[in-house]
Amino acid sequence: MNLSKNFYLFFGIAFTINFIYSFFETKDSYELFSVPVNIWIYRGYRLLIAMVFIKIYLSKRASAAKN
């Protein structure tokens, strides 16, 4: 499945904003896949997903520049 590189950029930015926003909320835990987890585990998950989307975007952009 070949998705547009803008898709990855959009979700990378969205997850980064969500990660930053989690520092301003006053929750001690979040629900992740319907399981309550520590706030730091949730933040790590969001940061990891954001980094994956941004890495995919950058690799697609680099491969498009080569062609």
Foldseek 3Di string as FASTA:
>chain_A
DDDDLVVLVVLLVVLVVVLVVLVVDDDQWDQDPNRTDGSVVVSVVSNVSSVVSVVVSVVVVVVVVVD
